[in-house]
Amino acid sequence: MKSAVKRAADAVEFATQERCFITEIANDDEDPGLSIALARVQPGVATAWHAVSATAERYLIIQGRGRVEVGDQLVAKVGQGDVVRIAAGERQRIVNCGDVDLLFYALCTPRFEADNYVDLEP
């Protein structure tokens, strides 16, 4: 990895199939060990059930409140400052339970790759 600054202002938000919006701030071959994305979930929306194979995730909640569901046992309310750890390959979704956008950073190790995304919607 080379030293560099990745500017959030240079990233572009896009809609995803899992009913949220993503801004990939850092996700490239120069740093294969980690990717960082800003996720935005609108009020009342639940993201699609999904998993990411071969990739562990951490959600750092920065705005709003929600309910995260991971695997078959973890269901928890989350809010600003909370960190959710998700093991590689574990099914997951998050629901925005508030009246403002739910914002969180998704930190993936190794970096997120689209080929590892698994849609688990019924």
N, C-alpha and C. Protein backbone atom coordinates (compact mmCIF):
# COMPACT_ATOMS: atom_id res chain seq x y z
N MET A 1 0.85 -1.18 0.00
CA MET A 1 0.00 0.00 0.00
C MET A 1 0.89 1.23 0.00
N LYS A 2 0.51 2.20 -0.84
CA LYS A 2 1.21 3.48 -0.85
C LYS A 2 0.44 4.48 0.01
N SER A 3 1.15 5.37 0.64
CA SER A 3 0.51 6.43 1.42
C SER A 3 -0.29 7.32 0.47
N ALA A 4 -1.51 7.68 0.89
CA ALA A 4 -2.38 8.50 0.05
C ALA A 4 -3.54 9.02 0.88
N VAL A 5 -4.25 9.98 0.33
CA VAL A 5 -5.49 10.48 0.93
C VAL A 5 -6.62 10.15 -0.04
N LYS A 6 -7.64 9.46 0.45
CA LYS A 6 -8.83 9.18 -0.34
C LYS A 6 -9.89 10.19 0.11
N ARG A 7 -10.36 11.01 -0.78
CA ARG A 7 -11.28 12.08 -0.44
C ARG A 7 -12.73 11.64 -0.64
N ALA A 8 -13.52 11.74 0.43
CA ALA A 8 -14.94 11.40 0.35
C ALA A 8 -15.64 12.25 -0.70
N ALA A 9 -15.21 13.49 -0.87
CA ALA A 9 -15.84 14.39 -1.84
C ALA A 9 -15.67 13.90 -3.27
N ASP A 10 -14.68 13.03 -3.52
CA ASP A 10 -14.46 12.49 -4.86
C ASP A 10 -15.32 11.27 -5.15
N ALA A 11 -15.91 10.68 -4.13
CA ALA A 11 -16.72 9.47 -4.29
C ALA A 11 -18.15 9.84 -4.68
N VAL A 12 -18.81 8.93 -5.38
CA VAL A 12 -20.17 9.16 -5.86
C VAL A 12 -21.11 8.14 -5.23
N GLU A 13 -22.22 8.62 -4.67
CA GLU A 13 -23.22 7.73 -4.09
C GLU A 13 -24.00 7.03 -5.20
N PHE A 14 -24.30 5.75 -4.98
CA PHE A 14 -25.12 5.01 -5.94
C PHE A 14 -26.12 4.11 -5.18
N ALA A 15 -27.25 3.85 -5.82
CA ALA A 15 -28.27 2.97 -5.25
C ALA A 15 -27.86 1.53 -5.47
N THR A 16 -28.20 0.66 -4.51
CA THR A 16 -27.87 -0.77 -4.62
C THR A 16 -29.13 -1.60 -4.68
N GLN A 17 -28.96 -2.86 -5.07
CA GLN A 17 -30.08 -3.80 -5.12
C GLN A 17 -30.58 -4.16 -3.73
N GLU A 18 -29.80 -3.84 -2.70
CA GLU A 18 -30.23 -4.21 -1.35
C GLU A 18 -30.99 -3.09 -0.63
N ARG A 19 -31.48 -2.11 -1.39
CA ARG A 19 -32.34 -1.05 -0.87
C ARG A 19 -31.61 -0.05 0.02
N CYS A 20 -30.38 0.24 -0.33
CA CYS A 20 -29.65 1.31 0.36
C CYS A 20 -28.78 2.02 -0.66
N PHE A 21 -28.11 3.06 -0.19
CA PHE A 21 -27.22 3.85 -1.04
C PHE A 21 -25.81 3.72 -0.49
N ILE A 22 -24.83 3.59 -1.38
CA ILE A 22 -23.45 3.38 -0.98
C ILE A 22 -22.55 4.43 -1.63
N THR A 23 -21.63 4.95 -0.85
CA THR A 23 -20.55 5.80 -1.35
C THR A 23 -19.25 5.10 -1.00
N GLU A 24 -18.57 4.54 -2.00
CA GLU A 24 -17.32 3.84 -1.74
C GLU A 24 -16.19 4.87 -1.62
N ILE A 25 -15.73 5.05 -0.42
CA ILE A 25 -14.69 6.04 -0.16
C ILE A 25 -13.31 5.49 -0.44
N ALA A 26 -13.09 4.23 -0.07
CA ALA A 26 -11.79 3.59 -0.31
C ALA A 26 -12.02 2.12 -0.60
N ASN A 27 -11.84 1.73 -1.85
CA ASN A 27 -11.96 0.33 -2.26
C ASN A 27 -11.20 0.14 -3.56
N ASP A 28 -9.93 -0.23 -3.43
CA ASP A 28 -9.12 -0.39 -4.63
C ASP A 28 -7.96 -1.36 -4.38
N ASP A 29 -7.29 -1.74 -5.45
CA ASP A 29 -6.19 -2.70 -5.39
C ASP A 29 -5.01 -2.21 -4.58
N GLU A 30 -4.90 -0.90 -4.37
CA GLU A 30 -3.77 -0.35 -3.60
C GLU A 30 -3.84 -0.71 -2.12
N ASP A 31 -5.05 -1.07 -1.64
CA ASP A 31 -5.23 -1.43 -0.23
C ASP A 31 -6.18 -2.62 -0.16
N PRO A 32 -5.72 -3.81 -0.56
CA PRO A 32 -6.60 -4.97 -0.64
C PRO A 32 -7.10 -5.47 0.71
N GLY A 33 -6.50 -5.03 1.79
CA GLY A 33 -6.86 -5.52 3.11
C GLY A 33 -8.10 -4.88 3.71
N LEU A 34 -8.56 -3.74 3.14
CA LEU A 34 -9.66 -3.00 3.75
C LEU A 34 -10.38 -2.16 2.70
N SER A 35 -11.72 -2.09 2.83
CA SER A 35 -12.48 -1.11 2.08
C SER A 35 -13.37 -0.35 3.06
N ILE A 36 -13.67 0.89 2.70
CA ILE A 36 -14.51 1.75 3.54
C ILE A 36 -15.59 2.36 2.66
N ALA A 37 -16.84 2.16 3.07
CA ALA A 37 -17.96 2.72 2.34
C ALA A 37 -18.91 3.39 3.31
N LEU A 38 -19.53 4.47 2.87
CA LEU A 38 -20.59 5.11 3.64
C LEU A 38 -21.91 4.56 3.11
N ALA A 39 -22.72 3.98 4.02
CA ALA A 39 -24.02 3.43 3.64
C ALA A 39 -25.11 4.35 4.17
N ARG A 40 -26.17 4.48 3.38
CA ARG A 40 -27.31 5.31 3.78
C ARG A 40 -28.59 4.52 3.54
N VAL A 41 -29.38 4.39 4.61
CA VAL A 41 -30.66 3.68 4.55
C VAL A 41 -31.75 4.68 4.92
N GLN A 42 -32.74 4.81 4.06
CA GLN A 42 -33.81 5.78 4.28
C GLN A 42 -34.76 5.32 5.40
N PRO A 43 -35.47 6.26 6.04
CA PRO A 43 -36.40 5.92 7.11
C PRO A 43 -37.41 4.85 6.69
N GLY A 44 -37.61 3.87 7.58
CA GLY A 44 -38.58 2.82 7.34
C GLY A 44 -38.13 1.70 6.43
N VAL A 45 -36.92 1.79 5.89
CA VAL A 45 -36.44 0.79 4.94
C VAL A 45 -35.61 -0.27 5.65
N ALA A 46 -35.80 -1.52 5.24
CA ALA A 46 -34.95 -2.64 5.66
C ALA A 46 -34.12 -3.05 4.47
N THR A 47 -32.83 -3.19 4.66
CA THR A 47 -32.00 -3.67 3.57
C THR A 47 -32.34 -5.13 3.28
N ALA A 48 -31.98 -5.59 2.11
CA ALA A 48 -32.24 -6.97 1.72
C ALA A 48 -31.37 -7.92 2.54
N TRP A 49 -31.92 -9.10 2.82
CA TRP A 49 -31.09 -10.13 3.44
C TRP A 49 -29.97 -10.47 2.48
N HIS A 50 -28.76 -10.50 3.01
CA HIS A 50 -27.61 -10.80 2.17
C HIS A 50 -26.46 -11.30 3.04
N ALA A 51 -25.41 -11.77 2.39
CA ALA A 51 -24.17 -12.16 3.06
C ALA A 51 -23.03 -11.71 2.17
N VAL A 52 -21.85 -11.63 2.74
CA VAL A 52 -20.65 -11.33 1.95
C VAL A 52 -19.63 -12.42 2.27
N SER A 53 -19.42 -13.30 1.31
CA SER A 53 -18.51 -14.41 1.55
C SER A 53 -17.06 -13.91 1.58
N ALA A 54 -16.26 -14.54 2.38
CA ALA A 54 -14.82 -14.27 2.48
C ALA A 54 -14.50 -12.83 2.92
N THR A 55 -15.46 -12.14 3.51
CA THR A 55 -15.27 -10.76 3.93
C THR A 55 -15.96 -10.50 5.27
N ALA A 56 -15.19 -10.08 6.26
CA ALA A 56 -15.77 -9.65 7.54
C ALA A 56 -16.13 -8.18 7.42
N GLU A 57 -17.22 -7.79 8.09
CA GLU A 57 -17.65 -6.40 8.04
C GLU A 57 -17.79 -5.83 9.45
N ARG A 58 -17.63 -4.52 9.54
CA ARG A 58 -17.94 -3.77 10.74
C ARG A 58 -18.75 -2.57 10.30
N TYR A 59 -19.87 -2.34 10.97
CA TYR A 59 -20.67 -1.15 10.74
C TYR A 59 -20.40 -0.19 11.88
N LEU A 60 -20.03 1.04 11.57
CA LEU A 60 -19.86 2.10 12.55
C LEU A 60 -20.99 3.09 12.31
N ILE A 61 -21.98 3.09 13.21
CA ILE A 61 -23.17 3.93 13.04
C ILE A 61 -22.79 5.38 13.36
N ILE A 62 -23.11 6.29 12.41
CA ILE A 62 -22.77 7.69 12.64
C ILE A 62 -23.99 8.60 12.72
N GLN A 63 -25.16 8.11 12.29
CA GLN A 63 -26.38 8.92 12.39
C GLN A 63 -27.59 8.00 12.36
N GLY A 64 -28.59 8.36 13.14
CA GLY A 64 -29.86 7.65 13.12
C GLY A 64 -29.89 6.49 14.10
N ARG A 65 -30.96 5.71 13.96
CA ARG A 65 -31.11 4.53 14.80
C ARG A 65 -31.73 3.42 13.97
N GLY A 66 -31.39 2.21 14.35
CA GLY A 66 -31.90 1.09 13.57
C GLY A 66 -31.90 -0.20 14.36
N ARG A 67 -32.20 -1.27 13.64
CA ARG A 67 -32.16 -2.61 14.21
C ARG A 67 -31.36 -3.47 13.25
N VAL A 68 -30.32 -4.09 13.77
CA VAL A 68 -29.49 -4.95 12.95
C VAL A 68 -29.83 -6.40 13.27
N GLU A 69 -29.83 -7.23 12.23
CA GLU A 69 -30.10 -8.66 12.38
C GLU A 69 -28.96 -9.40 11.68
N VAL A 70 -28.28 -10.24 12.45
CA VAL A 70 -27.12 -10.97 11.93
C VAL A 70 -27.27 -12.44 12.30
N GLY A 71 -27.13 -13.31 11.31
CA GLY A 71 -27.27 -14.73 11.57
C GLY A 71 -28.66 -15.05 12.07
N ASP A 72 -28.75 -16.08 12.91
CA ASP A 72 -30.05 -16.49 13.45
C ASP A 72 -30.27 -16.01 14.87
N GLN A 73 -29.27 -15.37 15.49
CA GLN A 73 -29.41 -15.05 16.90
C GLN A 73 -29.22 -13.58 17.26
N LEU A 74 -28.43 -12.83 16.50
CA LEU A 74 -28.15 -11.45 16.89
C LEU A 74 -29.20 -10.51 16.30
N VAL A 75 -29.99 -9.92 17.18
CA VAL A 75 -30.93 -8.86 16.82
C VAL A 75 -30.70 -7.77 17.86
N ALA A 76 -30.35 -6.56 17.40
CA ALA A 76 -30.02 -5.50 18.35
C ALA A 76 -30.39 -4.15 17.80
N LYS A 77 -30.83 -3.27 18.71
CA LYS A 77 -31.03 -1.87 18.35
C LYS A 77 -29.66 -1.21 18.31
N VAL A 78 -29.46 -0.30 17.35
CA VAL A 78 -28.18 0.38 17.20
C VAL A 78 -28.41 1.87 17.01
N GLY A 79 -27.40 2.64 17.42
CA GLY A 79 -27.46 4.10 17.28
C GLY A 79 -26.06 4.66 17.15
N GLN A 80 -25.98 5.96 17.11
CA GLN A 80 -24.73 6.67 16.87
C GLN A 80 -23.62 6.17 17.79
N GLY A 81 -22.47 5.83 17.18
CA GLY A 81 -21.30 5.38 17.92
C GLY A 81 -21.20 3.88 18.08
N ASP A 82 -22.29 3.15 17.83
CA ASP A 82 -22.25 1.69 17.96
C ASP A 82 -21.47 1.06 16.82
N VAL A 83 -20.83 -0.07 17.13
CA VAL A 83 -20.12 -0.86 16.12
C VAL A 83 -20.74 -2.24 16.09
N VAL A 84 -21.09 -2.69 14.90
CA VAL A 84 -21.63 -4.02 14.69
C VAL A 84 -20.56 -4.83 13.96
N ARG A 85 -20.21 -6.01 14.51
CA ARG A 85 -19.24 -6.88 13.85
C ARG A 85 -19.97 -8.05 13.21
N ILE A 86 -19.67 -8.29 11.94
CA ILE A 86 -20.34 -9.32 11.17
C ILE A 86 -19.29 -10.25 10.57
N ALA A 87 -19.35 -11.52 10.95
CA ALA A 87 -18.39 -12.50 10.45
C ALA A 87 -18.61 -12.75 8.96
N ALA A 88 -17.55 -13.12 8.28
CA ALA A 88 -17.63 -13.42 6.85
C ALA A 88 -18.68 -14.50 6.59
N GLY A 89 -19.51 -14.26 5.59
CA GLY A 89 -20.49 -15.24 5.17
C GLY A 89 -21.77 -15.28 5.98
N GLU A 90 -21.89 -14.45 7.02
CA GLU A 90 -23.08 -14.48 7.87
C GLU A 90 -24.20 -13.64 7.26
N ARG A 91 -25.42 -14.18 7.30
CA ARG A 91 -26.56 -13.44 6.73
C ARG A 91 -26.83 -12.22 7.61
N GLN A 92 -27.32 -11.15 6.94
CA GLN A 92 -27.47 -9.88 7.65
C GLN A 92 -28.44 -8.96 6.95
N ARG A 93 -28.96 -8.02 7.74
CA ARG A 93 -29.71 -6.89 7.21
C ARG A 93 -29.79 -5.85 8.32
N ILE A 94 -30.13 -4.62 7.94
CA ILE A 94 -30.32 -3.56 8.92
C ILE A 94 -31.57 -2.79 8.54
N VAL A 95 -32.33 -2.37 9.55
CA VAL A 95 -33.59 -1.66 9.37
C VAL A 95 -33.45 -0.27 9.97
N ASN A 96 -33.86 0.75 9.21
CA ASN A 96 -33.87 2.11 9.74
C ASN A 96 -35.17 2.29 10.51
N CYS A 97 -35.07 2.40 11.83
CA CYS A 97 -36.24 2.55 12.71
C CYS A 97 -36.53 4.01 13.05
N GLY A 98 -35.77 4.93 12.49
CA GLY A 98 -35.93 6.33 12.84
C GLY A 98 -36.62 7.14 11.76
N ASP A 99 -36.58 8.47 11.93
CA ASP A 99 -37.22 9.35 10.96
C ASP A 99 -36.21 10.19 10.18
N VAL A 100 -34.93 9.85 10.30
CA VAL A 100 -33.87 10.46 9.48
C VAL A 100 -33.07 9.33 8.84
N ASP A 101 -32.29 9.65 7.83
CA ASP A 101 -31.46 8.63 7.20
C ASP A 101 -30.55 7.97 8.24
N LEU A 102 -30.42 6.66 8.16
CA LEU A 102 -29.47 5.90 8.96
C LEU A 102 -28.17 5.89 8.17
N LEU A 103 -27.10 6.42 8.76
CA LEU A 103 -25.79 6.47 8.11
C LEU A 103 -24.80 5.64 8.90
N PHE A 104 -24.01 4.85 8.18
CA PHE A 104 -22.96 4.10 8.84
C PHE A 104 -21.84 3.81 7.87
N TYR A 105 -20.64 3.70 8.42
CA TYR A 105 -19.50 3.27 7.63
C TYR A 105 -19.46 1.75 7.65
N ALA A 106 -19.27 1.14 6.50
CA ALA A 106 -19.06 -0.29 6.38
C ALA A 106 -17.58 -0.49 6.11
N LEU A 107 -16.91 -1.11 7.06
CA LEU A 107 -15.47 -1.39 6.94
C LEU A 107 -15.31 -2.88 6.69
N CYS A 108 -14.77 -3.24 5.55
CA CYS A 108 -14.69 -4.64 5.13
C CYS A 108 -13.24 -5.11 5.06
N THR A 109 -13.00 -6.31 5.62
CA THR A 109 -11.67 -6.92 5.54
C THR A 109 -11.80 -8.37 5.10
N PRO A 110 -11.07 -8.80 4.06
CA PRO A 110 -10.40 -7.91 3.13
C PRO A 110 -11.43 -7.05 2.40
N ARG A 111 -10.98 -6.23 1.48
CA ARG A 111 -11.86 -5.26 0.84
C ARG A 111 -13.06 -5.93 0.17
N PHE A 112 -14.17 -5.19 0.12
CA PHE A 112 -15.39 -5.68 -0.51
C PHE A 112 -15.17 -5.88 -2.00
N GLU A 113 -15.64 -7.02 -2.49
CA GLU A 113 -15.65 -7.30 -3.92
C GLU A 113 -17.04 -7.78 -4.29
N ALA A 114 -17.59 -7.24 -5.35
CA ALA A 114 -18.98 -7.54 -5.74
C ALA A 114 -19.21 -9.03 -5.94
N ASP A 115 -18.23 -9.77 -6.39
CA ASP A 115 -18.38 -11.21 -6.61
C ASP A 115 -18.63 -11.96 -5.30
N ASN A 116 -18.33 -11.36 -4.15
CA ASN A 116 -18.53 -12.02 -2.86
C ASN A 116 -19.93 -11.74 -2.27
N TYR A 117 -20.68 -10.87 -2.91
CA TYR A 117 -22.03 -10.52 -2.42
C TYR A 117 -22.98 -11.66 -2.74
N VAL A 118 -23.76 -12.09 -1.73
CA VAL A 118 -24.73 -13.17 -1.90
C VAL A 118 -26.11 -12.65 -1.54
N ASP A 119 -27.01 -12.60 -2.51
CA ASP A 119 -28.39 -12.16 -2.28
C ASP A 119 -29.15 -13.30 -1.63
N LEU A 120 -29.73 -13.04 -0.45
CA LEU A 120 -30.46 -14.07 0.30
C LEU A 120 -31.95 -13.75 0.42
N GLU A 121 -32.45 -12.84 -0.40
CA GLU A 121 -33.87 -12.50 -0.35
C GLU A 121 -34.70 -13.71 -0.77
N PRO A 122 -35.82 -13.95 -0.06
CA PRO A 122 -36.66 -15.10 -0.40
C PRO A 122 -37.34 -14.92 -1.75
